[in-house]
């Protein structure tokens, strides 16, 4: 765990006990555990979003939106495409 052995963890515990005090140590451990859990949950959600292949549905949605464009837009788009194909 983080490259720490049993002796080092015991030393950290005793130093925390001395500096923080026996009354606040359980509260600190609880909040530290909660923070680690929330961080782990956020990391897992991010990894799930990155690994989920939702790009095909996004592309299909964009194609549907393109098909729903007003018909008056198509001639202007075609004309602009023709102009861009001409050499400068």
Protein backbone atom coordinates (compact mmCIF):
# COMPACT_ATOMS: atom_id res chain seq x y z
CA UNK A 1 0.00 0.00 0.00
CA UNK A 2 1.76 3.14 -1.28
CA UNK A 3 5.10 1.40 -0.74
CA UNK A 4 4.77 1.63 3.05
CA UNK A 5 5.54 -1.24 5.34
CA UNK A 6 3.89 -2.14 8.63
CA UNK A 7 6.44 -0.24 10.70
CA UNK A 8 5.98 2.96 8.73
CA UNK A 9 2.20 2.73 8.97
CA UNK A 10 2.43 2.19 12.71
CA UNK A 11 4.71 5.23 13.06
CA UNK A 12 2.29 7.38 11.04
CA UNK A 13 -0.60 6.19 13.22
CA UNK A 14 1.24 7.09 16.44
CA UNK A 15 2.25 10.50 15.09
CA UNK A 16 -1.35 11.18 14.07
CA UNK A 17 -2.51 10.06 17.50
CA UNK A 18 -0.07 12.48 19.16
CA UNK A 19 -0.68 15.50 16.92
CA UNK A 20 -4.40 15.09 16.23
CA UNK A 21 -5.49 13.53 19.47
CA UNK A 22 -7.50 10.45 20.32
CA UNK A 23 -10.86 12.27 20.15
CA UNK A 24 -10.45 13.63 16.61
CA UNK A 25 -8.63 10.65 15.10
CA UNK A 26 -11.81 8.59 14.40
CA UNK A 27 -13.44 11.62 12.74
CA UNK A 28 -10.36 12.16 10.59
CA UNK A 29 -10.24 8.49 9.59
CA UNK A 30 -13.94 8.56 8.69
CA UNK A 31 -13.60 11.67 6.52
CA UNK A 32 -10.45 10.30 4.90
CA UNK A 33 -12.21 7.04 4.05
CA UNK A 34 -15.20 8.92 2.65
CA UNK A 35 -12.94 11.10 0.49
CA UNK A 36 -11.08 8.08 -0.86
CA UNK A 37 -14.40 6.36 -1.67
CA UNK A 38 -15.71 9.44 -3.53
CA UNK A 39 -12.45 9.77 -5.45
CA UNK A 40 -12.57 6.09 -6.42
CA UNK A 41 -16.21 6.42 -7.53
CA UNK A 42 -15.41 9.46 -9.69
CA UNK A 43 -12.43 7.66 -11.23
CA UNK A 44 -14.56 4.59 -12.01
CA UNK A 45 -17.27 6.74 -13.63
CA UNK A 46 -14.69 8.52 -15.76
CA UNK A 47 -13.12 5.23 -16.85
CA UNK A 48 -16.59 3.89 -17.72
CA UNK A 49 -17.33 6.95 -19.86
CA UNK A 50 -14.00 6.68 -21.65
CA UNK A 51 -14.39 2.96 -22.32
CA UNK A 52 -18.05 3.08 -23.39
CA UNK A 53 -18.34 3.12 -27.18
CA UNK A 54 -21.16 5.63 -27.60
CA UNK A 55 -19.71 7.28 -30.72
CA UNK A 56 -21.88 5.33 -33.23
CA UNK A 57 -25.08 6.50 -31.55
CA UNK A 58 -23.78 10.07 -31.56
CA UNK A 59 -23.02 9.87 -35.29
CA UNK A 60 -26.44 8.41 -36.03
CA UNK A 61 -28.04 11.22 -34.06
CA UNK A 62 -26.08 13.83 -36.05
CA UNK A 63 -27.10 12.20 -39.35
CA UNK A 64 -30.74 12.36 -38.28
CA UNK A 65 -30.37 16.04 -37.44
CA UNK A 66 -28.76 16.69 -40.85
CA UNK A 67 -31.66 14.98 -42.61
CA UNK A 68 -34.07 17.26 -40.77
CA UNK A 69 -32.51 20.46 -42.15
CA UNK A 70 -34.83 22.64 -44.20
CA UNK A 71 -34.76 21.86 -47.92
CA UNK A 72 -33.81 25.46 -48.78
CA UNK A 73 -30.39 24.99 -47.21
CA UNK A 74 -29.24 22.30 -49.63
CA UNK A 75 -28.68 24.52 -52.73
CA UNK A 76 -26.52 26.95 -50.77
CA UNK A 77 -24.48 24.10 -49.34
CA UNK A 78 -24.03 22.57 -52.80
CA UNK A 79 -22.95 25.93 -54.23
CA UNK A 80 -20.44 26.47 -51.43
CA UNK A 81 -19.08 22.98 -51.99
CA UNK A 82 -18.63 23.64 -55.71
CA UNK A 83 -16.78 26.89 -54.98
CA UNK A 84 -14.45 25.13 -52.56
CA UNK A 85 -13.62 22.45 -55.15
CA UNK A 86 -12.33 25.04 -57.66
CA UNK A 87 -8.58 25.73 -57.62
CA UNK A 88 -7.60 29.14 -56.33
